[in-house]
Amino acid sequence: MKNIVCFGEVLWDVFPNRKKIGGAPLNVALRLQSLENNVSIITRIGDDSDGDGIFQFIKENGVAVDDIQIDSELKTGEVAVSLNEEGSASYTINYPRAWDRIQLTKSAKAITLASDAFIFGSLSARDYNSKQTLYSLLEIASYKVFDVNLRAPYYTKEVLNHLMESSDFIKFNDDEIIEIVTHLIMKAADFKKFSNHEISEIIDKLNSETQNLEGSIKFIAQQTHTKSICVTLGSKGAILFYNDTFYYNKGHKINVVDTVGAGDSFLAALTDKLLKGEAPQTAIDFACVVGAIVASSEGANPKLNPNDIDALLAKHINC
């Protein structure tokens, strides 16, 4: 059992016909708690009914609530979610909200210092207040897991650079890595004075085909001094770069209900197995199964049946 801290936004995902509690850090925290870890969350909610609902939900699900701060001015977070015909989600995120004002407290520093892993995303750094708190906690955390979560216009290249360079482990999706690697190439080009033609050739080489994904990952690891990187590939599975070795999972054929929270549960499952010393291949296989089951269910935090996980894992092994 590991001590894990998740930092950032908690909110209500508002669908056209329903309303569910979410936020990537909370989704990760809830899944990690269900996998038998001691999990705390550092966040901020409004002094309102939506905040009360989130607080009680987190408490009932066993995640520590001692570092949930209350804001007397700003409302609890809320995001409008729309789904396309394939179940893929797009988001409209309200700003500002209470989680934009997370304060640096003695308690937050204490649990971060004592943690086996500190997990955070880029969206939590969209406002100066929470960003400064995050930066301070990153200076004292022993193992930092960065869940890249690019939501325009709520990020800058400078912030992404700082967060990547502060991390021990970075998770991207397949769209995010293209944007990040292109940015890092341009940054390196400014330093090394590549010509425009050379820059174009490098970008084409790294991003033109899936087979070059490994090159992109190694390039990011080199530029950001990050040892471990994972990229999720939607229905095509995921790729993990860990201890200078690549590990692969080709994904699972499922009936997608909605993709909300699938990546968060994937990250939680992967982090859980790696922290507990499981082999990287075992970890990525387990994470892909968990992510697939969540995508085949409604909402970000469905209860998982261990028998369903075992059955899908067995099917993967026998393929």
C-alpha atoms as a PDB file:
ATOM      1  CA  MET A   1       0.000   0.000   0.000  1.00  0.00           C
ATOM      2  CA  LYS A   2       1.477   3.338  -1.095  1.00  0.00           C
ATOM      3  CA  ASN A   3       0.933   6.907   0.102  1.00  0.00           C
ATOM      4  CA  ILE A   4      -0.125   8.974  -2.894  1.00  0.00           C
ATOM      5  CA  VAL A   5      -1.111  12.630  -3.220  1.00  0.00           C
ATOM      6  CA  CYS A   6      -3.146  14.008  -6.121  1.00  0.00           C
ATOM      7  CA  PHE A   7      -3.196  17.754  -6.752  1.00  0.00           C
ATOM      8  CA  GLY A   8      -5.607  19.916  -8.734  1.00  0.00           C
ATOM      9  CA  GLU A   9      -9.125  20.353  -9.960  1.00  0.00           C
ATOM     10  CA  VAL A  10     -12.288  18.757  -8.607  1.00  0.00           C
ATOM     11  CA  LEU A  11     -15.529  19.597 -10.371  1.00  0.00           C
ATOM     12  CA  TRP A  12     -18.870  18.520 -11.745  1.00  0.00           C
ATOM     13  CA  ASP A  13     -18.944  17.083 -15.279  1.00  0.00           C
ATOM     14  CA  VAL A  14     -22.247  18.339 -16.691  1.00  0.00           C
ATOM     15  CA  PHE A  15     -23.525  16.157 -19.543  1.00  0.00           C
ATOM     16  CA  PRO A  16     -26.629  16.981 -21.609  1.00  0.00           C
ATOM     17  CA  ASN A  17     -28.713  14.565 -19.517  1.00  0.00           C
ATOM     18  CA  ARG A  18     -26.803  14.070 -16.266  1.00  0.00           C
ATOM     19  CA  LYS A  19     -24.257  15.512 -13.854  1.00  0.00           C
ATOM     20  CA  LYS A  20     -21.295  13.583 -12.435  1.00  0.00           C
ATOM     21  CA  ILE A  21     -18.424  14.360 -10.080  1.00  0.00           C
ATOM     22  CA  GLY A  22     -15.047  14.444 -11.811  1.00  0.00           C
ATOM     23  CA  GLY A  23     -11.813  16.276 -12.509  1.00  0.00           C
ATOM     24  CA  ALA A  24      -8.725  14.360 -13.632  1.00  0.00           C
ATOM     25  CA  PRO A  25      -6.845  14.472 -10.281  1.00  0.00           C
ATOM     26  CA  LEU A  26      -9.938  13.268  -8.435  1.00  0.00           C
ATOM     27  CA  ASN A  27     -10.570  10.505 -10.978  1.00  0.00           C
ATOM     28  CA  VAL A  28      -6.983   9.318 -10.529  1.00  0.00           C
ATOM     29  CA  ALA A  29      -7.287   9.539  -6.731  1.00  0.00           C
ATOM     30  CA  LEU A  30     -10.504   7.527  -6.603  1.00  0.00           C
ATOM     31  CA  ARG A  31      -9.114   4.770  -8.802  1.00  0.00           C
ATOM     32  CA  LEU A  32      -5.882   4.588  -6.805  1.00  0.00           C
ATOM     33  CA  GLN A  33      -7.900   4.342  -3.595  1.00  0.00           C
ATOM     34  CA  SER A  34      -9.895   1.454  -5.056  1.00  0.00           C
ATOM     35  CA  LEU A  35      -6.576  -0.275  -5.795  1.00  0.00           C
ATOM     36  CA  GLU A  36      -5.715  -0.289  -2.075  1.00  0.00           C
ATOM     37  CA  ASN A  37      -3.557   2.789  -1.591  1.00  0.00           C
ATOM     38  CA  ASN A  38      -3.625   5.591   0.979  1.00  0.00           C
ATOM     39  CA  VAL A  39      -4.664   8.553  -1.152  1.00  0.00           C
ATOM     40  CA  SER A  40      -5.012  12.236  -0.318  1.00  0.00           C
ATOM     41  CA  ILE A  41      -6.135  15.073  -2.564  1.00  0.00           C
ATOM     42  CA  ILE A  42      -5.042  18.698  -2.382  1.00  0.00           C
ATOM     43  CA  THR A  43      -7.754  20.854  -3.922  1.00  0.00           C
ATOM     44  CA  ARG A  44     -10.275  23.645  -3.271  1.00  0.00           C
ATOM     45  CA  ILE A  45     -14.066  23.770  -3.493  1.00  0.00           C
ATOM     46  CA  GLY A  46     -16.630  26.516  -3.161  1.00  0.00           C
ATOM     47  CA  ASP A  47     -18.755  27.130  -0.090  1.00  0.00           C
ATOM     48  CA  ASP A  48     -21.835  25.876  -1.933  1.00  0.00           C
ATOM     49  CA  SER A  49     -24.022  22.814  -2.446  1.00  0.00           C
ATOM     50  CA  ASP A  50     -21.870  21.568  -5.327  1.00  0.00           C
ATOM     51  CA  GLY A  51     -18.823  21.723  -3.062  1.00  0.00           C
ATOM     52  CA  ASP A  52     -20.656  19.911  -0.276  1.00  0.00           C
ATOM     53  CA  GLY A  53     -21.615  17.171  -2.708  1.00  0.00           C
ATOM     54  CA  ILE A  54     -18.026  16.682  -3.859  1.00  0.00           C
ATOM     55  CA  PHE A  55     -16.675  16.725  -0.300  1.00  0.00           C
ATOM     56  CA  GLN A  56     -19.079  14.045   0.884  1.00  0.00           C
ATOM     57  CA  PHE A  57     -18.492  11.928  -2.223  1.00  0.00           C
ATOM     58  CA  ILE A  58     -14.711  12.000  -1.751  1.00  0.00           C
ATOM     59  CA  LYS A  59     -15.016  11.188   1.946  1.00  0.00           C
ATOM     60  CA  GLU A  60     -17.404   8.298   1.316  1.00  0.00           C
ATOM     61  CA  ASN A  61     -14.970   6.821  -1.213  1.00  0.00           C
ATOM     62  CA  GLY A  62     -12.082   6.732   1.237  1.00  0.00           C
ATOM     63  CA  VAL A  63      -9.836   9.487  -0.145  1.00  0.00           C
ATOM     64  CA  ALA A  64      -8.479  11.742   2.611  1.00  0.00           C
ATOM     65  CA  VAL A  65     -10.318  15.087   2.760  1.00  0.00           C
ATOM     66  CA  ASP A  66      -8.034  16.942   5.199  1.00  0.00           C
ATOM     67  CA  ASP A  67      -6.501  19.049   2.414  1.00  0.00           C
ATOM     68  CA  ILE A  68      -9.697  20.038   0.638  1.00  0.00           C
ATOM     69  CA  GLN A  69      -9.811  23.801   1.088  1.00  0.00           C
ATOM     70  CA  ILE A  70     -13.008  25.898   1.112  1.00  0.00           C
ATOM     71  CA  ASP A  71     -13.254  29.149  -0.880  1.00  0.00           C
ATOM     72  CA  SER A  72     -15.766  31.706   0.352  1.00  0.00           C
ATOM     73  CA  GLU A  73     -15.838  33.650  -2.931  1.00  0.00           C
ATOM     74  CA  LEU A  74     -15.388  31.382  -5.940  1.00  0.00           C
ATOM     75  CA  LYS A  75     -17.807  28.627  -6.909  1.00  0.00           C
ATOM     76  CA  THR A  76     -17.030  24.920  -7.125  1.00  0.00           C
ATOM     77  CA  GLY A  77     -15.662  23.788 -10.497  1.00  0.00           C
ATOM     78  CA  GLU A  78     -18.008  22.864 -13.326  1.00  0.00           C
ATOM     79  CA  VAL A  79     -17.371  21.594 -16.864  1.00  0.00           C
ATOM     80  CA  ALA A  80     -19.854  21.177 -19.708  1.00  0.00           C
ATOM     81  CA  VAL A  81     -19.172  17.842 -21.453  1.00  0.00           C
ATOM     82  CA  SER A  82     -20.345  16.961 -24.956  1.00  0.00           C
ATOM     83  CA  LEU A  83     -19.920  13.548 -26.582  1.00  0.00           C
ATOM     84  CA  ASN A  84     -19.633  12.774 -30.293  1.00  0.00           C
ATOM     85  CA  GLU A  85     -21.047   9.655 -31.958  1.00  0.00           C
ATOM     86  CA  GLU A  86     -17.956   7.630 -30.984  1.00  0.00           C
ATOM     87  CA  GLY A  87     -18.263   8.619 -27.315  1.00  0.00           C
ATOM     88  CA  SER A  88     -15.240  10.941 -27.380  1.00  0.00           C
ATOM     89  CA  ALA A  89     -15.623  13.926 -25.092  1.00  0.00           C
ATOM     90  CA  SER A  90     -15.022  17.648 -25.531  1.00  0.00           C
ATOM     91  CA  TYR A  91     -15.108  20.130 -22.662  1.00  0.00           C
ATOM     92  CA  THR A  92     -16.086  23.702 -21.853  1.00  0.00           C
ATOM     93  CA  ILE A  93     -14.315  24.625 -18.610  1.00  0.00           C
ATOM     94  CA  ASN A  94     -15.552  27.533 -16.497  1.00  0.00           C
ATOM     95  CA  TYR A  95     -13.010  30.030 -15.141  1.00  0.00           C
ATOM     96  CA  PRO A  96     -12.274  31.099 -12.468  1.00  0.00           C
ATOM     97  CA  ARG A  97     -13.352  28.448  -9.998  1.00  0.00           C
ATOM     98  CA  ALA A  98     -12.363  27.555  -6.447  1.00  0.00           C
ATOM     99  CA  TRP A  99      -9.649  25.089  -7.543  1.00  0.00           C
ATOM    100  CA  ASP A 100      -7.805  27.991  -9.191  1.00  0.00           C
ATOM    101  CA  ARG A 101      -6.939  29.307  -5.702  1.00  0.00           C
ATOM    102  CA  ILE A 102      -5.336  26.311  -3.998  1.00  0.00           C
ATOM    103  CA  GLN A 103      -3.177  27.651  -1.169  1.00  0.00           C
ATOM    104  CA  LEU A 104       0.170  26.366   0.079  1.00  0.00           C
ATOM    105  CA  THR A 105      -0.470  25.081   3.611  1.00  0.00           C
ATOM    106  CA  LYS A 106       1.655  23.281   6.192  1.00  0.00           C
ATOM    107  CA  SER A 107      -0.560  20.235   5.847  1.00  0.00           C
ATOM    108  CA  ALA A 108      -0.198  20.161   2.047  1.00  0.00           C
ATOM    109  CA  LYS A 109       3.571  20.326   2.379  1.00  0.00           C
ATOM    110  CA  ALA A 110       3.609  17.595   5.019  1.00  0.00           C
ATOM    111  CA  ILE A 111       1.600  15.047   3.041  1.00  0.00           C
ATOM    112  CA  THR A 112       3.593  15.822  -0.112  1.00  0.00           C
ATOM    113  CA  LEU A 113       6.872  15.235   1.703  1.00  0.00           C
ATOM    114  CA  ALA A 114       5.565  11.909   3.028  1.00  0.00           C
ATOM    115  CA  SER A 115       4.169  10.681  -0.298  1.00  0.00           C
ATOM    116  CA  ASP A 116       5.479   7.875  -2.497  1.00  0.00           C
ATOM    117  CA  ALA A 117       4.067   9.726  -5.515  1.00  0.00           C
ATOM    118  CA  PHE A 118       2.713  13.199  -6.222  1.00  0.00           C
ATOM    119  CA  ILE A 119       0.361  13.280  -9.222  1.00  0.00           C
ATOM    120  CA  PHE A 120      -0.720  16.467 -10.997  1.00  0.00           C
ATOM    121  CA  GLY A 121      -1.887  17.828 -14.355  1.00  0.00           C
ATOM    122  CA  SER A 122      -1.295  20.914 -16.456  1.00  0.00           C
ATOM    123  CA  LEU A 123      -4.838  22.254 -16.085  1.00  0.00           C
ATOM    124  CA  SER A 124      -4.269  22.892 -12.378  1.00  0.00           C
ATOM    125  CA  ALA A 125      -1.607  25.469 -13.325  1.00  0.00           C
ATOM    126  CA  ARG A 126      -3.904  27.685 -15.414  1.00  0.00           C
ATOM    127  CA  ASP A 127      -4.174  30.314 -12.652  1.00  0.00           C
ATOM    128  CA  TYR A 128      -1.287  32.037 -10.853  1.00  0.00           C
ATOM    129  CA  ASN A 129      -2.436  31.040  -7.343  1.00  0.00           C
ATOM    130  CA  SER A 130      -2.696  27.277  -7.820  1.00  0.00           C
ATOM    131  CA  LYS A 131       0.326  27.311 -10.140  1.00  0.00           C
ATOM    132  CA  GLN A 132       2.572  28.816  -7.467  1.00  0.00           C
ATOM    133  CA  THR A 133       1.341  26.285  -4.920  1.00  0.00           C
ATOM    134  CA  LEU A 134       2.014  23.471  -7.376  1.00  0.00           C
ATOM    135  CA  TYR A 135       5.510  24.750  -8.135  1.00  0.00           C
ATOM    136  CA  SER A 136       6.318  24.854  -4.408  1.00  0.00           C
ATOM    137  CA  LEU A 137       5.092  21.295  -3.833  1.00  0.00           C
ATOM    138  CA  LEU A 138       7.035  19.993  -6.831  1.00  0.00           C
ATOM    139  CA  GLU A 139      10.217  21.200  -5.146  1.00  0.00           C
ATOM    140  CA  ILE A 140       9.675  18.860  -2.183  1.00  0.00           C
ATOM    141  CA  ALA A 141       7.893  15.835  -3.698  1.00  0.00           C
ATOM    142  CA  SER A 142      10.073  12.739  -4.009  1.00  0.00           C
ATOM    143  CA  TYR A 143       8.424  11.226  -7.126  1.00  0.00           C
ATOM    144  CA  LYS A 144       6.404  13.418  -9.476  1.00  0.00           C
ATOM    145  CA  VAL A 145       3.909  12.109 -12.043  1.00  0.00           C
ATOM    146  CA  PHE A 146       2.752  14.644 -14.652  1.00  0.00           C
ATOM    147  CA  ASP A 147      -0.535  13.928 -16.429  1.00  0.00           C
ATOM    148  CA  VAL A 148      -0.414  16.257 -19.423  1.00  0.00           C
ATOM    149  CA  ASN A 149      -3.935  17.572 -19.989  1.00  0.00           C
ATOM    150  CA  LEU A 150      -3.876  20.201 -22.731  1.00  0.00           C
ATOM    151  CA  ARG A 151      -7.064  22.258 -22.646  1.00  0.00           C
ATOM    152  CA  ALA A 152      -6.723  25.386 -24.757  1.00  0.00           C
ATOM    153  CA  PRO A 153      -6.376  28.220 -23.845  1.00  0.00           C
ATOM    154  CA  TYR A 154      -5.370  27.135 -20.331  1.00  0.00           C
ATOM    155  CA  TYR A 155      -1.668  26.439 -20.794  1.00  0.00           C
ATOM    156  CA  THR A 156       1.521  28.091 -21.988  1.00  0.00           C
ATOM    157  CA  LYS A 157       4.767  26.695 -23.353  1.00  0.00           C
ATOM    158  CA  GLU A 158       6.683  28.132 -20.418  1.00  0.00           C
ATOM    159  CA  VAL A 159       4.480  26.380 -17.859  1.00  0.00           C
ATOM    160  CA  LEU A 160       4.620  23.079 -19.756  1.00  0.00           C
ATOM    161  CA  ASN A 161       8.404  23.290 -19.901  1.00  0.00           C
ATOM    162  CA  HIS A 162       8.616  23.820 -16.139  1.00  0.00           C
ATOM    163  CA  LEU A 163       6.207  20.981 -15.340  1.00  0.00           C
ATOM    164  CA  MET A 164       7.913  18.498 -17.663  1.00  0.00           C
ATOM    165  CA  GLU A 165      11.380  19.352 -16.392  1.00  0.00           C
ATOM    166  CA  SER A 166      10.149  18.956 -12.796  1.00  0.00           C
ATOM    167  CA  SER A 167       8.712  15.479 -13.388  1.00  0.00           C
ATOM    168  CA  ASP A 168       9.946  11.931 -13.016  1.00  0.00           C
ATOM    169  CA  PHE A 169       7.148  10.433 -15.124  1.00  0.00           C
ATOM    170  CA  ILE A 170       5.040  12.031 -17.879  1.00  0.00           C
ATOM    171  CA  LYS A 171       1.849  10.713 -19.471  1.00  0.00           C
ATOM    172  CA  PHE A 172       0.585  12.031 -22.825  1.00  0.00           C
ATOM    173  CA  ASN A 173      -2.158  11.031 -25.217  1.00  0.00           C
ATOM    174  CA  ASP A 174      -1.376  10.649 -28.917  1.00  0.00           C
ATOM    175  CA  ASP A 175      -2.515  14.184 -29.821  1.00  0.00           C
ATOM    176  CA  GLU A 176      -0.641  15.843 -26.971  1.00  0.00           C
ATOM    177  CA  ILE A 177       2.706  14.270 -27.780  1.00  0.00           C
ATOM    178  CA  ILE A 178       2.638  15.687 -31.311  1.00  0.00           C
ATOM    179  CA  GLU A 179       2.098  19.192 -29.984  1.00  0.00           C
ATOM    180  CA  ILE A 180       4.722  18.799 -27.259  1.00  0.00           C
ATOM    181  CA  VAL A 181       7.431  17.324 -29.459  1.00  0.00           C
ATOM    182  CA  THR A 182       6.907  20.027 -32.070  1.00  0.00           C
ATOM    183  CA  HIS A 183       7.240  22.678 -29.371  1.00  0.00           C
ATOM    184  CA  LEU A 184      10.426  21.100 -28.010  1.00  0.00           C
ATOM    185  CA  ILE A 185      11.907  20.866 -31.486  1.00  0.00           C
ATOM    186  CA  MET A 186      11.288  24.556 -31.991  1.00  0.00           C
ATOM    187  CA  LYS A 187      12.830  25.280 -28.579  1.00  0.00           C
ATOM    188  CA  ALA A 188      15.901  23.223 -29.455  1.00  0.00           C
ATOM    189  CA  ALA A 189      16.042  24.898 -32.855  1.00  0.00           C
ATOM    190  CA  ASP A 190      16.200  28.323 -31.227  1.00  0.00           C
ATOM    191  CA  PHE A 191      19.172  27.144 -29.196  1.00  0.00           C
ATOM    192  CA  LYS A 192      20.994  25.186 -31.898  1.00  0.00           C
ATOM    193  CA  LYS A 193      20.112  27.527 -34.747  1.00  0.00           C
ATOM    194  CA  PHE A 194      18.629  24.945 -37.103  1.00  0.00           C
ATOM    195  CA  SER A 195      17.494  26.242 -40.474  1.00  0.00           C
ATOM    196  CA  ASN A 196      13.766  26.272 -41.271  1.00  0.00           C
ATOM    197  CA  HIS A 197      14.349  23.421 -43.722  1.00  0.00           C
ATOM    198  CA  GLU A 198      16.130  21.337 -41.062  1.00  0.00           C
ATOM    199  CA  ILE A 199      13.352  21.985 -38.543  1.00  0.00           C
ATOM    200  CA  SER A 200      10.748  20.875 -41.076  1.00  0.00           C
ATOM    201  CA  GLU A 201      12.669  17.681 -41.804  1.00  0.00           C
ATOM    202  CA  ILE A 202      13.026  16.832 -38.108  1.00  0.00           C
ATOM    203  CA  ILE A 203       9.315  17.392 -37.440  1.00  0.00           C
ATOM    204  CA  ASP A 204       8.346  15.277 -40.452  1.00  0.00           C
ATOM    205  CA  LYS A 205      10.686  12.493 -39.360  1.00  0.00           C
ATOM    206  CA  LEU A 206       9.403  12.386 -35.780  1.00  0.00           C
ATOM    207  CA  ASN A 207       5.694  12.820 -36.404  1.00  0.00           C
ATOM    208  CA  SER A 208       4.866  11.410 -39.828  1.00  0.00           C
ATOM    209  CA  GLU A 209       4.354   7.743 -38.852  1.00  0.00           C
ATOM    210  CA  THR A 210       3.474   5.732 -35.755  1.00  0.00           C
ATOM    211  CA  GLN A 211       6.768   3.866 -36.087  1.00  0.00           C
ATOM    212  CA  ASN A 212       8.534   7.134 -35.239  1.00  0.00           C
ATOM    213  CA  LEU A 213       6.672   7.482 -31.938  1.00  0.00           C
ATOM    214  CA  GLU A 214       9.612   5.926 -30.127  1.00  0.00           C
ATOM    215  CA  GLY A 215      11.847   8.647 -31.541  1.00  0.00           C
ATOM    216  CA  SER A 216       9.481  11.330 -30.297  1.00  0.00           C
ATOM    217  CA  ILE A 217       9.396   9.795 -26.825  1.00  0.00           C
ATOM    218  CA  LYS A 218      13.187   9.552 -26.607  1.00  0.00           C
ATOM    219  CA  PHE A 219      13.485  13.135 -27.822  1.00  0.00           C
ATOM    220  CA  ILE A 220      11.121  14.379 -25.096  1.00  0.00           C
ATOM    221  CA  ALA A 221      12.946  12.328 -22.458  1.00  0.00           C
ATOM    222  CA  GLN A 222      16.240  13.853 -23.539  1.00  0.00           C
ATOM    223  CA  GLN A 223      14.991  17.431 -23.758  1.00  0.00           C
ATOM    224  CA  THR A 224      13.128  17.370 -20.429  1.00  0.00           C
ATOM    225  CA  HIS A 225      15.488  15.046 -18.507  1.00  0.00           C
ATOM    226  CA  THR A 226      12.557  12.733 -17.773  1.00  0.00           C
ATOM    227  CA  LYS A 227      13.303   9.029 -17.319  1.00  0.00           C
ATOM    228  CA  SER A 228       9.811   7.585 -17.825  1.00  0.00           C
ATOM    229  CA  ILE A 229       7.137   8.459 -20.388  1.00  0.00           C
ATOM    230  CA  CYS A 230       3.837   6.853 -21.360  1.00  0.00           C
ATOM    231  CA  VAL A 231       1.661   7.663 -24.371  1.00  0.00           C
ATOM    232  CA  THR A 232      -1.924   6.438 -24.635  1.00  0.00           C
ATOM    233  CA  LEU A 233      -3.108   5.677 -28.168  1.00  0.00           C
ATOM    234  CA  GLY A 234      -6.878   5.417 -27.758  1.00  0.00           C
ATOM    235  CA  SER A 235      -8.224   2.153 -29.167  1.00  0.00           C
ATOM    236  CA  LYS A 236      -4.683   1.195 -30.229  1.00  0.00           C
ATOM    237  CA  GLY A 237      -3.464   0.813 -26.652  1.00  0.00           C
ATOM    238  CA  ALA A 238      -0.388   2.483 -25.200  1.00  0.00           C
ATOM    239  CA  ILE A 239       3.396   2.632 -25.238  1.00  0.00           C
ATOM    240  CA  LEU A 240       5.578   2.908 -22.136  1.00  0.00           C
ATOM    241  CA  PHE A 241       9.223   4.039 -21.988  1.00  0.00           C
ATOM    242  CA  TYR A 242      10.620   2.861 -18.665  1.00  0.00           C
ATOM    243  CA  ASN A 243      14.245   2.213 -17.635  1.00  0.00           C
ATOM    244  CA  ASP A 244      15.388   2.841 -21.222  1.00  0.00           C
ATOM    245  CA  THR A 245      13.103   0.117 -22.575  1.00  0.00           C
ATOM    246  CA  PHE A 246       9.854   0.285 -24.563  1.00  0.00           C
ATOM    247  CA  TYR A 247       6.767  -1.724 -23.594  1.00  0.00           C
ATOM    248  CA  TYR A 248       3.626  -2.016 -25.720  1.00  0.00           C
ATOM    249  CA  ASN A 249      -0.044  -2.894 -25.484  1.00  0.00           C
ATOM    250  CA  LYS A 250      -2.223  -2.942 -28.600  1.00  0.00           C
ATOM    251  CA  GLY A 251      -5.491  -2.152 -26.808  1.00  0.00           C
ATOM    252  CA  HIS A 252      -8.823  -3.940 -26.598  1.00  0.00           C
ATOM    253  CA  LYS A 253     -11.919  -4.047 -28.781  1.00  0.00           C
ATOM    254  CA  ILE A 254     -14.786  -2.683 -26.692  1.00  0.00           C
ATOM    255  CA  ASN A 255     -18.098  -0.904 -27.124  1.00  0.00           C
ATOM    256  CA  VAL A 256     -17.276   2.653 -26.077  1.00  0.00           C
ATOM    257  CA  VAL A 257     -19.940   4.357 -23.970  1.00  0.00           C
ATOM    258  CA  ASP A 258     -17.878   7.459 -23.188  1.00  0.00           C
ATOM    259  CA  THR A 259     -14.156   8.140 -22.812  1.00  0.00           C
ATOM    260  CA  VAL A 260     -14.487  10.472 -19.805  1.00  0.00           C
ATOM    261  CA  GLY A 261     -12.043   9.346 -17.120  1.00  0.00           C
ATOM    262  CA  ALA A 262     -10.629   6.398 -19.070  1.00  0.00           C
ATOM    263  CA  GLY A 263      -7.181   7.990 -19.298  1.00  0.00           C
ATOM    264  CA  ASP A 264      -7.297   8.885 -15.606  1.00  0.00           C
ATOM    265  CA  SER A 265      -8.035   5.308 -14.581  1.00  0.00           C
ATOM    266  CA  PHE A 266      -5.323   4.117 -16.958  1.00  0.00           C
ATOM    267  CA  LEU A 267      -2.783   6.389 -15.243  1.00  0.00           C
ATOM    268  CA  ALA A 268      -3.924   5.302 -11.782  1.00  0.00           C
ATOM    269  CA  ALA A 269      -3.639   1.624 -12.661  1.00  0.00           C
ATOM    270  CA  LEU A 270      -0.241   2.064 -14.294  1.00  0.00           C
ATOM    271  CA  THR A 271       1.123   4.103 -11.384  1.00  0.00           C
ATOM    272  CA  ASP A 272      -0.207   1.589  -8.866  1.00  0.00           C
ATOM    273  CA  LYS A 273       1.543  -1.362 -10.485  1.00  0.00           C
ATOM    274  CA  LEU A 274       4.842   0.428 -11.099  1.00  0.00           C
ATOM    275  CA  LEU A 275       5.024   1.818  -7.548  1.00  0.00           C
ATOM    276  CA  LYS A 276       4.389  -1.647  -6.178  1.00  0.00           C
ATOM    277  CA  GLY A 277       7.257  -3.131  -8.177  1.00  0.00           C
ATOM    278  CA  GLU A 278       5.342  -4.987 -10.874  1.00  0.00           C
ATOM    279  CA  ALA A 279       7.057  -5.584 -14.214  1.00  0.00           C
ATOM    280  CA  PRO A 280       6.463  -2.692 -16.673  1.00  0.00           C
ATOM    281  CA  GLN A 281       4.774  -5.011 -19.190  1.00  0.00           C
ATOM    282  CA  THR A 282       2.408  -6.291 -16.501  1.00  0.00           C
ATOM    283  CA  ALA A 283       1.710  -2.694 -15.483  1.00  0.00           C
ATOM    284  CA  ILE A 284       0.830  -1.434 -18.958  1.00  0.00           C
ATOM    285  CA  ASP A 285      -1.299  -4.505 -19.708  1.00  0.00           C
ATOM    286  CA  PHE A 286      -3.277  -4.004 -16.502  1.00  0.00           C
ATOM    287  CA  ALA A 287      -3.652  -0.253 -17.128  1.00  0.00           C
ATOM    288  CA  CYS A 288      -4.985  -0.790 -20.644  1.00  0.00           C
ATOM    289  CA  VAL A 289      -7.587  -3.243 -19.362  1.00  0.00           C
ATOM    290  CA  VAL A 290      -8.740  -0.835 -16.655  1.00  0.00           C
ATOM    291  CA  GLY A 291      -8.923   2.071 -19.122  1.00  0.00           C
ATOM    292  CA  ALA A 292     -10.903  -0.028 -21.600  1.00  0.00           C
ATOM    293  CA  ILE A 293     -13.449  -1.121 -19.001  1.00  0.00           C
ATOM    294  CA  VAL A 294     -13.952   2.482 -17.866  1.00  0.00           C
ATOM    295  CA  ALA A 295     -14.466   3.590 -21.491  1.00  0.00           C
ATOM    296  CA  SER A 296     -17.109   0.883 -21.891  1.00  0.00           C
ATOM    297  CA  SER A 297     -18.977   2.239 -18.842  1.00  0.00           C
ATOM    298  CA  GLU A 298     -20.873   5.446 -18.140  1.00  0.00           C
ATOM    299  CA  GLY A 299     -19.041   8.247 -16.372  1.00  0.00           C
ATOM    300  CA  ALA A 300     -15.483   8.714 -15.118  1.00  0.00           C
ATOM    301  CA  ASN A 301     -15.558   6.552 -11.989  1.00  0.00           C
ATOM    302  CA  PRO A 302     -17.536   3.344 -12.485  1.00  0.00           C
ATOM    303  CA  LYS A 303     -17.042   0.556  -9.974  1.00  0.00           C
ATOM    304  CA  LEU A 304     -14.825  -2.138 -11.473  1.00  0.00           C
ATOM    305  CA  ASN A 305     -15.486  -5.849 -11.139  1.00  0.00           C
ATOM    306  CA  PRO A 306     -12.214  -7.761 -10.569  1.00  0.00           C
ATOM    307  CA  ASN A 307     -13.646 -10.665 -12.579  1.00  0.00           C
ATOM    308  CA  ASP A 308     -14.080  -8.381 -15.601  1.00  0.00           C
ATOM    309  CA  ILE A 309     -10.476  -7.224 -15.284  1.00  0.00           C
ATOM    310  CA  ASP A 310      -9.195 -10.802 -15.005  1.00  0.00           C
ATOM    311  CA  ALA A 311     -11.260 -11.933 -17.983  1.00  0.00           C
ATOM    312  CA  LEU A 312      -9.989  -9.158 -20.258  1.00  0.00           C
ATOM    313  CA  LEU A 313      -6.419  -9.737 -19.094  1.00  0.00           C
ATOM    314  CA  ALA A 314      -6.751 -13.444 -19.847  1.00  0.00           C
ATOM    315  CA  LYS A 315      -8.141 -12.671 -23.282  1.00  0.00           C
ATOM    316  CA  HIS A 316      -5.159 -10.384 -23.955  1.00  0.00           C
ATOM    317  CA  ILE A 317      -2.642 -13.016 -22.818  1.00  0.00           C
ATOM    318  CA  ASN A 318      -4.244 -15.693 -25.003  1.00  0.00           C
ATOM    319  CA  CYS A 319      -4.285 -13.532 -28.139  1.00  0.00           C
END
